[in-house]
Amino acid sequence: MIAVPEMGPVKGGYNFEQLPNSWEEAIRLRSMLDQIWREAVA
């Protein structure tokens, strides 16, 4: 997994206004990764 700290929230650093909210994206990604993991180990 690649982490790009520059793409964090605008308040704590910088982010381009054209990009989606990174926290909301992380919340969605968490559930997607959980589902993929459960399917992989099943």
PDB file of N, CA and C in Angstrom:
ATOM      1  N   MET A   1       0.854  -1.172   0.000  1.00  0.00           N
ATOM      2  CA  MET A   1       0.000   0.000   0.000  1.00  0.00           C
ATOM      3  C   MET A   1       0.898   1.232   0.000  1.00  0.00           C
ATOM      4  N   ILE A   2       0.532   2.202  -0.774  1.00  0.00           N
ATOM      5  CA  ILE A   2       1.304   3.430  -0.890  1.00  0.00           C
ATOM      6  C   ILE A   2       0.591   4.537  -0.135  1.00  0.00           C
ATOM      7  N   ALA A   3       1.293   5.231   0.732  1.00  0.00           N
ATOM      8  CA  ALA A   3       0.730   6.365   1.465  1.00  0.00           C
ATOM      9  C   ALA A   3       1.274   7.656   0.869  1.00  0.00           C
ATOM     10  N   VAL A   4       0.387   8.596   0.627  1.00  0.00           N
ATOM     11  CA  VAL A   4       0.779   9.891   0.078  1.00  0.00           C
ATOM     12  C   VAL A   4       0.302  10.968   1.049  1.00  0.00           C
ATOM     13  N   PRO A   5       1.159  11.375   1.999  1.00  0.00           N
ATOM     14  CA  PRO A   5       0.725  12.337   3.007  1.00  0.00           C
ATOM     15  C   PRO A   5       0.285  13.678   2.432  1.00  0.00           C
ATOM     16  N   GLU A   6       0.754  14.010   1.248  1.00  0.00           N
ATOM     17  CA  GLU A   6       0.358  15.283   0.650  1.00  0.00           C
ATOM     18  C   GLU A   6      -1.128  15.328   0.323  1.00  0.00           C
ATOM     19  N   MET A   7      -1.760  14.158   0.248  1.00  0.00           N
ATOM     20  CA  MET A   7      -3.165  14.114  -0.114  1.00  0.00           C
ATOM     21  C   MET A   7      -4.069  14.078   1.118  1.00  0.00           C
ATOM     22  N   GLY A   8      -3.562  14.500   2.251  1.00  0.00           N
ATOM     23  CA  GLY A   8      -4.352  14.515   3.484  1.00  0.00           C
ATOM     24  C   GLY A   8      -5.398  15.620   3.475  1.00  0.00           C
ATOM     25  N   PRO A   9      -6.062  15.812   4.590  1.00  0.00           N
ATOM     26  CA  PRO A   9      -7.099  16.832   4.660  1.00  0.00           C
ATOM     27  C   PRO A   9      -6.526  18.237   4.467  1.00  0.00           C
ATOM     28  N   VAL A  10      -7.333  19.106   3.930  1.00  0.00           N
ATOM     29  CA  VAL A  10      -6.899  20.477   3.649  1.00  0.00           C
ATOM     30  C   VAL A  10      -6.507  21.193   4.934  1.00  0.00           C
ATOM     31  N   LYS A  11      -7.263  20.975   6.006  1.00  0.00           N
ATOM     32  CA  LYS A  11      -7.032  21.684   7.259  1.00  0.00           C
ATOM     33  C   LYS A  11      -5.639  21.397   7.839  1.00  0.00           C
ATOM     34  N   GLY A  12      -5.158  20.151   7.715  1.00  0.00           N
ATOM     35  CA  GLY A  12      -3.884  19.786   8.314  1.00  0.00           C
ATOM     36  C   GLY A  12      -2.699  19.924   7.378  1.00  0.00           C
ATOM     37  N   GLY A  13      -2.897  20.275   6.176  1.00  0.00           N
ATOM     38  CA  GLY A  13      -1.794  20.367   5.224  1.00  0.00           C
ATOM     39  C   GLY A  13      -2.286  21.027   3.959  1.00  0.00           C
ATOM     40  N   TYR A  14      -2.232  20.292   2.882  1.00  0.00           N
ATOM     41  CA  TYR A  14      -2.825  20.837   1.675  1.00  0.00           C
ATOM     42  C   TYR A  14      -3.467  19.711   0.887  1.00  0.00           C
ATOM     43  N   ASN A  15      -4.412  20.047   0.094  1.00  0.00           N
ATOM     44  CA  ASN A  15      -5.111  19.111  -0.778  1.00  0.00           C
ATOM     45  C   ASN A  15      -5.697  19.958  -1.892  1.00  0.00           C
ATOM     46  N   PHE A  16      -5.809  19.381  -3.044  1.00  0.00           N
ATOM     47  CA  PHE A  16      -6.383  20.126  -4.155  1.00  0.00           C
ATOM     48  C   PHE A  16      -7.898  20.140  -4.024  1.00  0.00           C
ATOM     49  N   GLU A  17      -8.509  21.277  -4.285  1.00  0.00           N
ATOM     50  CA  GLU A  17      -9.957  21.398  -4.149  1.00  0.00           C
ATOM     51  C   GLU A  17     -10.706  20.459  -5.082  1.00  0.00           C
ATOM     52  N   GLN A  18     -10.093  20.075  -6.195  1.00  0.00           N
ATOM     53  CA  GLN A  18     -10.744  19.206  -7.162  1.00  0.00           C
ATOM     54  C   GLN A  18     -10.840  17.772  -6.657  1.00  0.00           C
ATOM     55  N   LEU A  19     -10.005  17.383  -5.683  1.00  0.00           N
ATOM     56  CA  LEU A  19      -9.995  16.016  -5.167  1.00  0.00           C
ATOM     57  C   LEU A  19     -11.107  15.820  -4.144  1.00  0.00           C
ATOM     58  N   PRO A  20     -11.621  14.603  -4.037  1.00  0.00           N
ATOM     59  CA  PRO A  20     -12.655  14.341  -3.037  1.00  0.00           C
ATOM     60  C   PRO A  20     -12.080  14.421  -1.622  1.00  0.00           C
ATOM     61  N   ASN A  21     -12.955  14.511  -0.659  1.00  0.00           N
ATOM     62  CA  ASN A  21     -12.572  14.575   0.740  1.00  0.00           C
ATOM     63  C   ASN A  21     -11.840  13.287   1.109  1.00  0.00           C
ATOM     64  N   SER A  22     -10.600  13.391   1.562  1.00  0.00           N
ATOM     65  CA  SER A  22      -9.783  12.205   1.806  1.00  0.00           C
ATOM     66  C   SER A  22     -10.312  11.362   2.959  1.00  0.00           C
ATOM     67  N   TRP A  23     -10.915  11.973   3.969  1.00  0.00           N
ATOM     68  CA  TRP A  23     -11.446  11.199   5.089  1.00  0.00           C
ATOM     69  C   TRP A  23     -12.649  10.370   4.643  1.00  0.00           C
ATOM     70  N   GLU A  24     -13.555  10.964   3.878  1.00  0.00           N
ATOM     71  CA  GLU A  24     -14.713  10.219   3.377  1.00  0.00           C
ATOM     72  C   GLU A  24     -14.271   9.083   2.451  1.00  0.00           C
ATOM     73  N   GLU A  25     -13.233   9.315   1.665  1.00  0.00           N
ATOM     74  CA  GLU A  25     -12.697   8.272   0.799  1.00  0.00           C
ATOM     75  C   GLU A  25     -12.096   7.134   1.631  1.00  0.00           C
ATOM     76  N   ALA A  26     -11.412   7.478   2.721  1.00  0.00           N
ATOM     77  CA  ALA A  26     -10.817   6.459   3.583  1.00  0.00           C
ATOM     78  C   ALA A  26     -11.895   5.602   4.242  1.00  0.00           C
ATOM     79  N   ILE A  27     -12.995   6.219   4.637  1.00  0.00           N
ATOM     80  CA  ILE A  27     -14.103   5.468   5.249  1.00  0.00           C
ATOM     81  C   ILE A  27     -14.685   4.484   4.247  1.00  0.00           C
ATOM     82  N   ARG A  28     -14.905   4.924   3.015  1.00  0.00           N
ATOM     83  CA  ARG A  28     -15.429   4.019   1.988  1.00  0.00           C
ATOM     84  C   ARG A  28     -14.432   2.913   1.663  1.00  0.00           C
ATOM     85  N   LEU A  29     -13.160   3.258   1.581  1.00  0.00           N
ATOM     86  CA  LEU A  29     -12.131   2.279   1.261  1.00  0.00           C
ATOM     87  C   LEU A  29     -12.046   1.210   2.344  1.00  0.00           C
ATOM     88  N   ARG A  30     -12.193   1.596   3.594  1.00  0.00           N
ATOM     89  CA  ARG A  30     -12.119   0.633   4.706  1.00  0.00           C
ATOM     90  C   ARG A  30     -13.152  -0.473   4.542  1.00  0.00           C
ATOM     91  N   SER A  31     -14.389  -0.117   4.233  1.00  0.00           N
ATOM     92  CA  SER A  31     -15.427  -1.135   4.082  1.00  0.00           C
ATOM     93  C   SER A  31     -15.179  -2.000   2.845  1.00  0.00           C
ATOM     94  N   MET A  32     -14.669  -1.399   1.783  1.00  0.00           N
ATOM     95  CA  MET A  32     -14.369  -2.165   0.577  1.00  0.00           C
ATOM     96  C   MET A  32     -13.241  -3.162   0.837  1.00  0.00           C
ATOM     97  N   LEU A  33     -12.179  -2.719   1.517  1.00  0.00           N
ATOM     98  CA  LEU A  33     -11.069  -3.610   1.824  1.00  0.00           C
ATOM     99  C   LEU A  33     -11.498  -4.732   2.760  1.00  0.00           C
ATOM    100  N   ASP A  34     -12.363  -4.429   3.704  1.00  0.00           N
ATOM    101  CA  ASP A  34     -12.864  -5.449   4.620  1.00  0.00           C
ATOM    102  C   ASP A  34     -13.633  -6.521   3.853  1.00  0.00           C
ATOM    103  N   GLN A  35     -14.470  -6.106   2.931  1.00  0.00           N
ATOM    104  CA  GLN A  35     -15.239  -7.057   2.130  1.00  0.00           C
ATOM    105  C   GLN A  35     -14.313  -7.918   1.262  1.00  0.00           C
ATOM    106  N   ILE A  36     -13.341  -7.299   0.625  1.00  0.00           N
ATOM    107  CA  ILE A  36     -12.398  -8.039  -0.215  1.00  0.00           C
ATOM    108  C   ILE A  36     -11.613  -9.042   0.630  1.00  0.00           C
ATOM    109  N   TRP A  37     -11.175  -8.617   1.814  1.00  0.00           N
ATOM    110  CA  TRP A  37     -10.415  -9.515   2.682  1.00  0.00           C
ATOM    111  C   TRP A  37     -11.260 -10.714   3.089  1.00  0.00           C
ATOM    112  N   ARG A  38     -12.512 -10.471   3.484  1.00  0.00           N
ATOM    113  CA  ARG A  38     -13.393 -11.567   3.916  1.00  0.00           C
ATOM    114  C   ARG A  38     -13.624 -12.568   2.768  1.00  0.00           C
ATOM    115  N   GLU A  39     -13.785 -12.074   1.565  1.00  0.00           N
ATOM    116  CA  GLU A  39     -13.970 -12.951   0.410  1.00  0.00           C
ATOM    117  C   GLU A  39     -12.687 -13.743   0.122  1.00  0.00           C
ATOM    118  N   ALA A  40     -11.536 -13.116   0.315  1.00  0.00           N
ATOM    119  CA  ALA A  40     -10.273 -13.782   0.006  1.00  0.00           C
ATOM    120  C   ALA A  40      -9.973 -14.916   0.980  1.00  0.00           C
ATOM    121  N   VAL A  41     -10.326 -14.745   2.241  1.00  0.00           N
ATOM    122  CA  VAL A  41     -10.015 -15.770   3.228  1.00  0.00           C
ATOM    123  C   VAL A  41     -11.126 -16.817   3.353  1.00  0.00           C
ATOM    124  N   ALA A  42     -12.244 -16.595   2.704  1.00  0.00           N
ATOM    125  CA  ALA A  42     -13.368 -17.553   2.777  1.00  0.00           C
ATOM    126  C   ALA A  42     -13.115 -18.781   1.940  1.00  0.00           C
TER     127      ALA A  42
END
